[in-house]
Amino acid sequence: MSQILLYILFFVVGLIAGGFYFTHLWKSVNAYKSDKSKIIFSSFIRFPVPLIAVFIAGFFAGIGGILAVIFGFSVFQFIYLIKKGSQLKKDIEEYANSLENQEQENSKNG
């Protein structure tokens, strides 16, 4: 029973590590826009957070703990990327509609 609680705890730790990693990575993407070297550097700065979580899980719960952290990290990544993807799709659709409206106004005026 205590092993299962450890796995659940390390799953949550994986979710938290994923949350930290991906939210800050997205902030870096927005801040640096197209400067890929700065974005890659900022992702390497945050990389130790999930790595430390994996080492701690391995120390306390072995391979099962490591897998729990990786699974939690992956679950957060999946949810976060779906959320951001749908947000980007919405933004692109709004931009396309505004371009279409602008084109219609130009054709009426011109």
N, C-alpha and C. Protein backbone atom coordinates (compact mmCIF):
# COMPACT_ATOMS: atom_id res chain seq x y z
N MET A 1 0.83 -1.20 0.00
CA MET A 1 0.00 0.00 0.00
C MET A 1 0.87 1.26 0.00
N SER A 2 1.96 1.23 0.76
CA SER A 2 2.82 2.41 0.82
C SER A 2 3.52 2.66 -0.52
N GLN A 3 3.82 1.58 -1.26
CA GLN A 3 4.43 1.75 -2.58
C GLN A 3 3.46 2.46 -3.53
N ILE A 4 2.19 2.11 -3.45
CA ILE A 4 1.19 2.73 -4.32
C ILE A 4 1.07 4.22 -3.99
N LEU A 5 1.10 4.55 -2.72
CA LEU A 5 1.05 5.96 -2.34
C LEU A 5 2.28 6.71 -2.83
N LEU A 6 3.44 6.06 -2.79
CA LEU A 6 4.65 6.68 -3.33
C LEU A 6 4.52 6.91 -4.84
N TYR A 7 3.97 5.93 -5.55
CA TYR A 7 3.80 6.08 -7.00
C TYR A 7 2.84 7.22 -7.32
N ILE A 8 1.76 7.33 -6.55
CA ILE A 8 0.81 8.42 -6.75
C ILE A 8 1.48 9.76 -6.45
N LEU A 9 2.26 9.80 -5.37
CA LEU A 9 2.98 11.02 -5.03
C LEU A 9 3.95 11.41 -6.14
N PHE A 10 4.68 10.46 -6.68
CA PHE A 10 5.63 10.78 -7.73
C PHE A 10 4.95 11.08 -9.06
N PHE A 11 3.76 10.54 -9.28
CA PHE A 11 2.97 10.94 -10.44
C PHE A 11 2.62 12.42 -10.34
N VAL A 12 2.19 12.85 -9.15
CA VAL A 12 1.87 14.26 -8.92
C VAL A 12 3.12 15.12 -9.06
N VAL A 13 4.26 14.62 -8.57
CA VAL A 13 5.52 15.35 -8.73
C VAL A 13 5.84 15.50 -10.23
N GLY A 14 5.58 14.46 -11.01
CA GLY A 14 5.78 14.54 -12.46
C GLY A 14 4.86 15.57 -13.10
N LEU A 15 3.61 15.63 -12.64
CA LEU A 15 2.68 16.65 -13.14
C LEU A 15 3.19 18.06 -12.83
N ILE A 16 3.69 18.24 -11.61
CA ILE A 16 4.19 19.56 -11.20
C ILE A 16 5.44 19.92 -12.01
N ALA A 17 6.34 18.96 -12.18
CA ALA A 17 7.56 19.21 -12.97
C ALA A 17 7.19 19.55 -14.42
N GLY A 18 6.22 18.83 -14.97
CA GLY A 18 5.75 19.13 -16.33
C GLY A 18 5.11 20.50 -16.41
N GLY A 19 4.34 20.84 -15.39
CA GLY A 19 3.73 22.17 -15.36
C GLY A 19 4.76 23.27 -15.33
N PHE A 20 5.76 23.11 -14.50
CA PHE A 20 6.83 24.11 -14.43
C PHE A 20 7.56 24.20 -15.77
N TYR A 21 7.93 23.05 -16.31
CA TYR A 21 8.72 23.03 -17.53
C TYR A 21 7.98 23.65 -18.71
N PHE A 22 6.75 23.21 -18.96
CA PHE A 22 6.05 23.65 -20.17
C PHE A 22 5.49 25.06 -20.06
N THR A 23 5.02 25.47 -18.89
CA THR A 23 4.52 26.84 -18.79
C THR A 23 5.65 27.84 -18.96
N HIS A 24 6.81 27.54 -18.38
CA HIS A 24 7.94 28.46 -18.54
C HIS A 24 8.53 28.39 -19.95
N LEU A 25 8.48 27.22 -20.57
CA LEU A 25 8.93 27.11 -21.95
C LEU A 25 8.04 27.95 -22.87
N TRP A 26 6.74 27.93 -22.63
CA TRP A 26 5.83 28.72 -23.45
C TRP A 26 6.06 30.22 -23.24
N LYS A 27 6.37 30.61 -22.01
CA LYS A 27 6.71 32.01 -21.74
C LYS A 27 7.97 32.40 -22.48
N SER A 28 8.95 31.51 -22.55
CA SER A 28 10.17 31.80 -23.29
C SER A 28 9.90 31.93 -24.78
N VAL A 29 9.03 31.08 -25.30
CA VAL A 29 8.69 31.17 -26.73
C VAL A 29 8.04 32.51 -27.02
N ASN A 30 7.14 32.95 -26.14
CA ASN A 30 6.50 34.25 -26.34
C ASN A 30 7.48 35.40 -26.17
N ALA A 31 8.44 35.27 -25.27
CA ALA A 31 9.38 36.35 -25.00
C ALA A 31 10.43 36.48 -26.10
N TYR A 32 10.95 35.35 -26.57
CA TYR A 32 12.06 35.39 -27.52
C TYR A 32 11.62 35.26 -28.97
N LYS A 33 10.35 34.97 -29.20
CA LYS A 33 9.74 34.82 -30.53
C LYS A 33 10.53 33.85 -31.40
N SER A 34 11.38 34.36 -32.30
CA SER A 34 12.03 33.48 -33.26
C SER A 34 13.51 33.25 -32.97
N ASP A 35 13.99 33.68 -31.83
CA ASP A 35 15.39 33.46 -31.47
C ASP A 35 15.54 32.06 -30.88
N LYS A 36 15.76 31.09 -31.76
CA LYS A 36 15.76 29.69 -31.35
C LYS A 36 16.87 29.36 -30.36
N SER A 37 18.00 30.01 -30.46
CA SER A 37 19.09 29.69 -29.55
C SER A 37 18.72 30.05 -28.11
N LYS A 38 18.02 31.17 -27.92
CA LYS A 38 17.61 31.55 -26.57
C LYS A 38 16.52 30.62 -26.04
N ILE A 39 15.63 30.18 -26.91
CA ILE A 39 14.57 29.26 -26.48
C ILE A 39 15.18 27.92 -26.07
N ILE A 40 16.12 27.42 -26.86
CA ILE A 40 16.77 26.15 -26.53
C ILE A 40 17.57 26.29 -25.24
N PHE A 41 18.27 27.40 -25.08
CA PHE A 41 19.04 27.63 -23.85
C PHE A 41 18.11 27.68 -22.64
N SER A 42 16.98 28.36 -22.77
CA SER A 42 16.06 28.45 -21.63
C SER A 42 15.45 27.09 -21.30
N SER A 43 15.25 26.23 -22.31
CA SER A 43 14.74 24.89 -22.01
C SER A 43 15.79 24.04 -21.30
N PHE A 44 17.07 24.25 -21.62
CA PHE A 44 18.13 23.52 -20.93
C PHE A 44 18.28 23.99 -19.48
N ILE A 45 17.98 25.26 -19.24
CA ILE A 45 18.05 25.77 -17.86
C ILE A 45 17.00 25.09 -16.99
N ARG A 46 15.81 24.84 -17.55
CA ARG A 46 14.72 24.22 -16.78
C ARG A 46 14.77 22.70 -16.79
N PHE A 47 15.59 22.11 -17.63
CA PHE A 47 15.64 20.66 -17.75
C PHE A 47 15.99 19.95 -16.45
N PRO A 48 16.83 20.52 -15.58
CA PRO A 48 17.13 19.82 -14.33
C PRO A 48 15.93 19.58 -13.41
N VAL A 49 14.87 20.36 -13.54
CA VAL A 49 13.71 20.18 -12.66
C VAL A 49 13.10 18.78 -12.83
N PRO A 50 12.71 18.36 -14.06
CA PRO A 50 12.19 17.00 -14.18
C PRO A 50 13.26 15.94 -13.93
N LEU A 51 14.50 16.25 -14.25
CA LEU A 51 15.57 15.31 -14.02
C LEU A 51 15.79 15.05 -12.53
N ILE A 52 15.75 16.11 -11.73
CA ILE A 52 15.87 15.95 -10.28
C ILE A 52 14.68 15.17 -9.73
N ALA A 53 13.49 15.43 -10.26
CA ALA A 53 12.30 14.69 -9.83
C ALA A 53 12.47 13.20 -10.12
N VAL A 54 13.03 12.87 -11.27
CA VAL A 54 13.25 11.47 -11.63
C VAL A 54 14.28 10.83 -10.69
N PHE A 55 15.36 11.53 -10.39
CA PHE A 55 16.37 10.98 -9.49
C PHE A 55 15.82 10.76 -8.08
N ILE A 56 15.04 11.71 -7.60
CA ILE A 56 14.45 11.55 -6.26
C ILE A 56 13.47 10.37 -6.26
N ALA A 57 12.67 10.26 -7.31
CA ALA A 57 11.72 9.14 -7.39
C ALA A 57 12.47 7.81 -7.47
N GLY A 58 13.55 7.78 -8.22
CA GLY A 58 14.34 6.57 -8.31
C GLY A 58 14.96 6.18 -6.98
N PHE A 59 15.37 7.17 -6.22
CA PHE A 59 15.98 6.91 -4.92
C PHE A 59 14.96 6.34 -3.93
N PHE A 60 13.76 6.91 -3.93
CA PHE A 60 12.76 6.49 -2.94
C PHE A 60 11.89 5.32 -3.39
N ALA A 61 11.62 5.21 -4.68
CA ALA A 61 10.66 4.19 -5.13
C ALA A 61 11.18 3.31 -6.26
N GLY A 62 12.42 3.48 -6.66
CA GLY A 62 12.99 2.63 -7.70
C GLY A 62 12.44 2.94 -9.08
N ILE A 63 12.46 1.92 -9.92
CA ILE A 63 12.01 2.06 -11.31
C ILE A 63 10.55 2.49 -11.39
N GLY A 64 9.72 1.97 -10.51
CA GLY A 64 8.30 2.35 -10.50
C GLY A 64 8.11 3.83 -10.24
N GLY A 65 8.91 4.39 -9.36
CA GLY A 65 8.84 5.83 -9.08
C GLY A 65 9.28 6.65 -10.28
N ILE A 66 10.35 6.18 -10.94
CA ILE A 66 10.82 6.88 -12.15
C ILE A 66 9.74 6.87 -13.21
N LEU A 67 9.14 5.71 -13.41
CA LEU A 67 8.06 5.60 -14.40
C LEU A 67 6.86 6.46 -14.02
N ALA A 68 6.57 6.56 -12.74
CA ALA A 68 5.45 7.40 -12.29
C ALA A 68 5.72 8.87 -12.60
N VAL A 69 6.95 9.33 -12.35
CA VAL A 69 7.29 10.72 -12.66
C VAL A 69 7.22 10.96 -14.17
N ILE A 70 7.78 10.06 -14.94
CA ILE A 70 7.76 10.22 -16.41
C ILE A 70 6.32 10.21 -16.92
N PHE A 71 5.49 9.33 -16.36
CA PHE A 71 4.09 9.28 -16.77
C PHE A 71 3.36 10.57 -16.41
N GLY A 72 3.58 11.09 -15.21
CA GLY A 72 2.97 12.35 -14.81
C GLY A 72 3.42 13.50 -15.70
N PHE A 73 4.71 13.54 -16.00
CA PHE A 73 5.26 14.57 -16.88
C PHE A 73 4.62 14.47 -18.27
N SER A 74 4.50 13.26 -18.78
CA SER A 74 3.92 13.04 -20.11
C SER A 74 2.43 13.39 -20.15
N VAL A 75 1.71 13.06 -19.10
CA VAL A 75 0.28 13.39 -19.03
C VAL A 75 0.11 14.91 -19.07
N PHE A 76 0.92 15.62 -18.27
CA PHE A 76 0.81 17.08 -18.29
C PHE A 76 1.17 17.63 -19.66
N GLN A 77 2.21 17.08 -20.27
CA GLN A 77 2.62 17.53 -21.61
C GLN A 77 1.49 17.34 -22.60
N PHE A 78 0.85 16.19 -22.58
CA PHE A 78 -0.25 15.89 -23.49
C PHE A 78 -1.40 16.88 -23.31
N ILE A 79 -1.81 17.08 -22.08
CA ILE A 79 -2.92 18.00 -21.78
C ILE A 79 -2.55 19.42 -22.17
N TYR A 80 -1.34 19.85 -21.83
CA TYR A 80 -0.91 21.22 -22.10
C TYR A 80 -0.81 21.49 -23.60
N LEU A 81 -0.25 20.54 -24.35
CA LEU A 81 -0.11 20.75 -25.79
C LEU A 81 -1.46 20.74 -26.50
N ILE A 82 -2.40 19.93 -26.03
CA ILE A 82 -3.74 19.97 -26.62
C ILE A 82 -4.39 21.31 -26.34
N LYS A 83 -4.23 21.79 -25.11
CA LYS A 83 -4.80 23.09 -24.73
C LYS A 83 -4.19 24.21 -25.58
N LYS A 84 -2.88 24.24 -25.70
CA LYS A 84 -2.22 25.28 -26.49
C LYS A 84 -2.52 25.15 -27.97
N GLY A 85 -2.62 23.92 -28.46
CA GLY A 85 -2.95 23.71 -29.86
C GLY A 85 -4.33 24.22 -30.20
N SER A 86 -5.29 23.96 -29.33
CA SER A 86 -6.65 24.45 -29.59
C SER A 86 -6.69 25.98 -29.49
N GLN A 87 -5.91 26.54 -28.58
CA GLN A 87 -5.85 28.00 -28.47
C GLN A 87 -5.22 28.61 -29.72
N LEU A 88 -4.16 28.00 -30.24
CA LEU A 88 -3.53 28.50 -31.46
C LEU A 88 -4.47 28.36 -32.65
N LYS A 89 -5.21 27.26 -32.72
CA LYS A 89 -6.17 27.07 -33.80
C LYS A 89 -7.22 28.17 -33.77
N LYS A 90 -7.71 28.48 -32.58
CA LYS A 90 -8.71 29.54 -32.42
C LYS A 90 -8.13 30.88 -32.85
N ASP A 91 -6.90 31.17 -32.44
CA ASP A 91 -6.26 32.43 -32.82
C ASP A 91 -6.07 32.54 -34.33
N ILE A 92 -5.69 31.45 -34.98
CA ILE A 92 -5.50 31.46 -36.43
C ILE A 92 -6.83 31.65 -37.14
N GLU A 93 -7.89 31.01 -36.66
CA GLU A 93 -9.21 31.18 -37.27
C GLU A 93 -9.69 32.62 -37.13
N GLU A 94 -9.46 33.23 -35.96
CA GLU A 94 -9.84 34.63 -35.78
C GLU A 94 -9.04 35.54 -36.70
N TYR A 95 -7.76 35.26 -36.87
CA TYR A 95 -6.92 36.06 -37.76
C TYR A 95 -7.37 35.90 -39.20
N ALA A 96 -7.72 34.66 -39.60
CA ALA A 96 -8.19 34.43 -40.97
C ALA A 96 -9.52 35.16 -41.21
N ASN A 97 -10.41 35.16 -40.22
CA ASN A 97 -11.67 35.88 -40.37
C ASN A 97 -11.44 37.38 -40.48
N SER A 98 -10.51 37.91 -39.70
CA SER A 98 -10.24 39.35 -39.78
C SER A 98 -9.64 39.71 -41.14
N LEU A 99 -8.78 38.84 -41.68
CA LEU A 99 -8.23 39.09 -43.02
C LEU A 99 -9.32 39.03 -44.08
N GLU A 100 -10.23 38.08 -43.92
CA GLU A 100 -11.33 37.95 -44.87
C GLU A 100 -12.23 39.18 -44.82
N ASN A 101 -12.54 39.66 -43.63
CA ASN A 101 -13.36 40.87 -43.48
C ASN A 101 -12.65 42.08 -44.06
N GLN A 102 -11.36 42.16 -43.83
CA GLN A 102 -10.58 43.29 -44.37
C GLN A 102 -10.55 43.23 -45.89
N GLU A 103 -10.45 42.04 -46.45
CA GLU A 103 -10.44 41.88 -47.91
C GLU A 103 -11.79 42.27 -48.50
N GLN A 104 -12.88 41.91 -47.81
CA GLN A 104 -14.22 42.28 -48.28
C GLN A 104 -14.41 43.79 -48.25
N GLU A 105 -13.90 44.45 -47.20
CA GLU A 105 -14.00 45.91 -47.11
C GLU A 105 -13.19 46.57 -48.22
N ASN A 106 -12.02 46.04 -48.51
CA ASN A 106 -11.19 46.60 -49.59
C ASN A 106 -11.84 46.42 -50.94
N SER A 107 -12.52 45.31 -51.17
CA SER A 107 -13.17 45.08 -52.47
C SER A 107 -14.40 45.99 -52.61
N LYS A 108 -15.08 46.32 -51.51
CA LYS A 108 -16.21 47.24 -51.57
C LYS A 108 -15.75 48.65 -51.84
N ASN A 109 -14.64 49.05 -51.23
CA ASN A 109 -14.12 50.40 -51.39
C ASN A 109 -13.36 50.58 -52.69
N GLY A 110 -12.78 49.55 -53.22
CA GLY A 110 -11.91 49.67 -54.40
C GLY A 110 -12.54 49.26 -55.64
